[in-house]
């Protein structure tokens, strides 16, 4: 598996409130994107808290659970960690994918996204938990038709908002040639056609860089994070071995490492 990730602070925040990570073990690889919400430093604290809790729970698991149950439980505990830290005043989105032998399992809360490019088609595998998506679901076009409406991206689900959070999950079989893109909502300014052009012409490192660059050129001002994963034939048969391992926020490691 070839892998790259990139995260940068946007024009609207002094501090990057996104955190990304790629965490390998002997049995699988965990990749995650968290996008903090709350303003000032609350968003940055929320996203870092969620990722710290997620990785601690993931590494501490010793009972034989399915990847789906394991990742859902880790996200639920991350929600409690963020809630305890902020008592509801800070929140974060979180999308986390686990790559094992031949499979990908994802848990998702918020409006970060997991995309799949397969057989010439780009699909969004996760649902956005925001007002724009809910308006479209119920046939209310007034919000979704106004891209500059500040209310269209209000979250309907996030970590840290309540003691309990409903976690979306999915699982699918990896295929050779699959390209997965996991990203924060800062990349929402890019069209699907533009994303496809970048993915088919560039390796993961260049693609991650260009996706952010083009999103900025298209008017994106938010923090931006993107992870690009290419699936090889070997990754569909055994635990994949990625390049580009890191856990970072805005070019530095959480915890001062």
Foldseek 3Di string as FASTA:
>chain_A
DEKAKDWAAFQVDPFFLKWWFWADDQFKIKTKIKAKDAPDCQSNVLNVLLVVQLVVQLVPDDDDDDPQVSNVVSNLVSLQRSQVVPVQRMWMWMKMWMAGQFKIKIKTWAAWWKWKQDPNDIDTPDQHQFQLSVCVVVVNCPLVVDPPPVRNRHGNTTRNNDNGGDIDMDMDGDDAFMKMKTKHCLLVLDDPVVLSVLVVPDDFHSSNVVSNVVSVVSPRRGIIMMMMDHDHPRSNGGHDDYPHGDIDTNPAHPPRD
